[in-house]
Amino acid sequence: MTRYGTTTVAPPADVFRMARQHFTGRSAGLRIVSQSLDALELRSSVGTVRIEAQRVGDETEVTILSREHDVESRAFLYALPRASLLRRWRARIRG
């Protein structure tokens, strides 16, 4: 199992909406096996993907645990909206 993580400006509900679209589409073909306010678990005949999202300040921390769906998981994380570098710099200065 591989763990991936990133941050996004999208709220957790949007992260899960995008994940459902990304992972249940024709390319990945996973099915949803469970969902809660902070996690979404999907499964296929060859592996699983668990997505966790938690709001921290102005961003959402996203963690993916992937078994046999690493390519799809990395593509999903890459597609999430990010804060601009200027916005991150301002946030660090403000403390």
C-alpha atoms as a PDB file:
ATOM      1  CA  MET A   1       0.000   0.000   0.000  1.00  0.00           C
ATOM      2  CA  THR A   2       1.311   3.439  -0.930  1.00  0.00           C
ATOM      3  CA  ARG A   3       0.493   6.700   0.867  1.00  0.00           C
ATOM      4  CA  TYR A   4       0.269  10.010  -1.003  1.00  0.00           C
ATOM      5  CA  GLY A   5      -0.592  13.438   0.335  1.00  0.00           C
ATOM      6  CA  THR A   6      -1.056  17.063  -0.639  1.00  0.00           C
ATOM      7  CA  THR A   7      -2.987  20.186   0.260  1.00  0.00           C
ATOM      8  CA  THR A   8      -5.682  21.911  -1.758  1.00  0.00           C
ATOM      9  CA  VAL A   9      -7.823  25.022  -1.499  1.00  0.00           C
ATOM     10  CA  ALA A  10     -10.917  22.924  -2.258  1.00  0.00           C
ATOM     11  CA  PRO A  11     -13.121  22.032   0.732  1.00  0.00           C
ATOM     12  CA  PRO A  12     -13.395  18.322   1.660  1.00  0.00           C
ATOM     13  CA  ALA A  13     -16.859  17.975   0.070  1.00  0.00           C
ATOM     14  CA  ASP A  14     -15.426  19.130  -3.276  1.00  0.00           C
ATOM     15  CA  VAL A  15     -12.438  16.803  -2.906  1.00  0.00           C
ATOM     16  CA  PHE A  16     -14.790  13.841  -2.464  1.00  0.00           C
ATOM     17  CA  ARG A  17     -17.001  14.958  -5.371  1.00  0.00           C
ATOM     18  CA  MET A  18     -13.941  15.186  -7.639  1.00  0.00           C
ATOM     19  CA  ALA A  19     -12.683  11.820  -6.354  1.00  0.00           C
ATOM     20  CA  ARG A  20     -15.994  10.104  -7.143  1.00  0.00           C
ATOM     21  CA  GLN A  21     -15.880  11.506 -10.681  1.00  0.00           C
ATOM     22  CA  HIS A  22     -12.212  10.617 -11.160  1.00  0.00           C
ATOM     23  CA  PHE A  23     -12.146   7.117  -9.716  1.00  0.00           C
ATOM     24  CA  THR A  24     -15.572   5.786 -10.741  1.00  0.00           C
ATOM     25  CA  GLY A  25     -15.246   6.843 -14.374  1.00  0.00           C
ATOM     26  CA  ARG A  26     -14.418   4.543 -17.241  1.00  0.00           C
ATOM     27  CA  SER A  27     -10.643   4.924 -16.906  1.00  0.00           C
ATOM     28  CA  ALA A  28     -10.308   3.780 -13.282  1.00  0.00           C
ATOM     29  CA  GLY A  29     -13.559   1.859 -12.843  1.00  0.00           C
ATOM     30  CA  LEU A  30     -13.600   1.665  -9.056  1.00  0.00           C
ATOM     31  CA  ARG A  31     -16.789   1.409  -7.018  1.00  0.00           C
ATOM     32  CA  ILE A  32     -17.553   3.186  -3.750  1.00  0.00           C
ATOM     33  CA  VAL A  33     -17.620   0.848  -0.754  1.00  0.00           C
ATOM     34  CA  SER A  34     -17.877   3.404   2.050  1.00  0.00           C
ATOM     35  CA  GLN A  35     -18.077   7.135   2.612  1.00  0.00           C
ATOM     36  CA  SER A  36     -18.083   9.397   5.663  1.00  0.00           C
ATOM     37  CA  LEU A  37     -17.551  13.110   6.270  1.00  0.00           C
ATOM     38  CA  ASP A  38     -13.768  12.718   6.225  1.00  0.00           C
ATOM     39  CA  ALA A  39     -13.070   9.614   4.093  1.00  0.00           C
ATOM     40  CA  LEU A  40     -14.044   7.841   0.884  1.00  0.00           C
ATOM     41  CA  GLU A  41     -13.110   4.241   0.133  1.00  0.00           C
ATOM     42  CA  LEU A  42     -13.239   2.709  -3.327  1.00  0.00           C
ATOM     43  CA  ARG A  43     -12.471  -0.780  -4.560  1.00  0.00           C
ATOM     44  CA  SER A  44     -11.881  -2.610  -7.814  1.00  0.00           C
ATOM     45  CA  SER A  45     -11.190  -6.245  -8.582  1.00  0.00           C
ATOM     46  CA  VAL A  46      -7.438  -5.613  -8.227  1.00  0.00           C
ATOM     47  CA  GLY A  47      -7.062  -3.009  -5.481  1.00  0.00           C
ATOM     48  CA  THR A  48      -8.372  -0.237  -3.260  1.00  0.00           C
ATOM     49  CA  VAL A  49      -8.131   3.519  -2.799  1.00  0.00           C
ATOM     50  CA  ARG A  50      -8.911   5.360   0.441  1.00  0.00           C
ATOM     51  CA  ILE A  51      -9.098   9.155   0.328  1.00  0.00           C
ATOM     52  CA  GLU A  52      -9.098  11.189   3.523  1.00  0.00           C
ATOM     53  CA  ALA A  53      -9.668  14.954   3.564  1.00  0.00           C
ATOM     54  CA  GLN A  54      -9.549  17.290   6.529  1.00  0.00           C
ATOM     55  CA  ARG A  55      -9.809  21.078   6.603  1.00  0.00           C
ATOM     56  CA  VAL A  56      -6.827  22.770   8.281  1.00  0.00           C
ATOM     57  CA  GLY A  57      -7.019  26.557   8.235  1.00  0.00           C
ATOM     58  CA  ASP A  58      -7.549  27.795   4.682  1.00  0.00           C
ATOM     59  CA  GLU A  59      -6.552  24.510   3.061  1.00  0.00           C
ATOM     60  CA  THR A  60      -7.615  20.876   3.024  1.00  0.00           C
ATOM     61  CA  GLU A  61      -5.093  18.136   3.739  1.00  0.00           C
ATOM     62  CA  VAL A  62      -5.680  15.181   1.421  1.00  0.00           C
ATOM     63  CA  THR A  63      -4.204  11.720   2.024  1.00  0.00           C
ATOM     64  CA  ILE A  64      -4.597   8.760  -0.307  1.00  0.00           C
ATOM     65  CA  LEU A  65      -3.821   5.154   0.574  1.00  0.00           C
ATOM     66  CA  SER A  66      -3.578   3.235  -2.684  1.00  0.00           C
ATOM     67  CA  ARG A  67      -3.191  -0.440  -3.479  1.00  0.00           C
ATOM     68  CA  GLU A  68      -2.676  -1.133  -7.194  1.00  0.00           C
ATOM     69  CA  HIS A  69      -4.084   2.266  -8.290  1.00  0.00           C
ATOM     70  CA  ASP A  70      -1.019   4.468  -7.908  1.00  0.00           C
ATOM     71  CA  VAL A  71      -1.167   6.044 -11.366  1.00  0.00           C
ATOM     72  CA  GLU A  72      -4.802   7.099 -10.924  1.00  0.00           C
ATOM     73  CA  SER A  73      -4.107   8.332  -7.378  1.00  0.00           C
ATOM     74  CA  ARG A  74      -1.195  10.545  -8.443  1.00  0.00           C
ATOM     75  CA  ALA A  75      -3.223  11.921 -11.362  1.00  0.00           C
ATOM     76  CA  PHE A  76      -6.074  12.806  -9.006  1.00  0.00           C
ATOM     77  CA  LEU A  77      -3.799  14.633  -6.561  1.00  0.00           C
ATOM     78  CA  TYR A  78      -2.154  16.514  -9.427  1.00  0.00           C
ATOM     79  CA  ALA A  79      -5.583  17.695 -10.655  1.00  0.00           C
ATOM     80  CA  LEU A  80      -6.648  19.222  -7.315  1.00  0.00           C
ATOM     81  CA  PRO A  81      -6.688  23.040  -7.197  1.00  0.00           C
ATOM     82  CA  ARG A  82      -3.717  24.542  -5.363  1.00  0.00           C
ATOM     83  CA  ALA A  83      -3.112  27.824  -3.591  1.00  0.00           C
ATOM     84  CA  SER A  84      -0.849  30.180  -5.474  1.00  0.00           C
ATOM     85  CA  LEU A  85       2.724  30.564  -4.270  1.00  0.00           C
ATOM     86  CA  LEU A  86       1.978  34.174  -3.325  1.00  0.00           C
ATOM     87  CA  ARG A  87      -0.961  33.071  -1.171  1.00  0.00           C
ATOM     88  CA  ARG A  88       1.195  30.461   0.597  1.00  0.00           C
ATOM     89  CA  TRP A  89       3.944  33.018   1.181  1.00  0.00           C
ATOM     90  CA  ARG A  90       1.462  35.491   2.693  1.00  0.00           C
ATOM     91  CA  ALA A  91       0.019  32.791   4.958  1.00  0.00           C
ATOM     92  CA  ARG A  92       3.482  31.926   6.288  1.00  0.00           C
ATOM     93  CA  ILE A  93       4.331  35.548   6.982  1.00  0.00           C
ATOM     94  CA  ARG A  94       1.084  36.045   8.909  1.00  0.00           C
ATOM     95  CA  GLY A  95       2.044  33.085  11.066  1.00  0.00           C
END
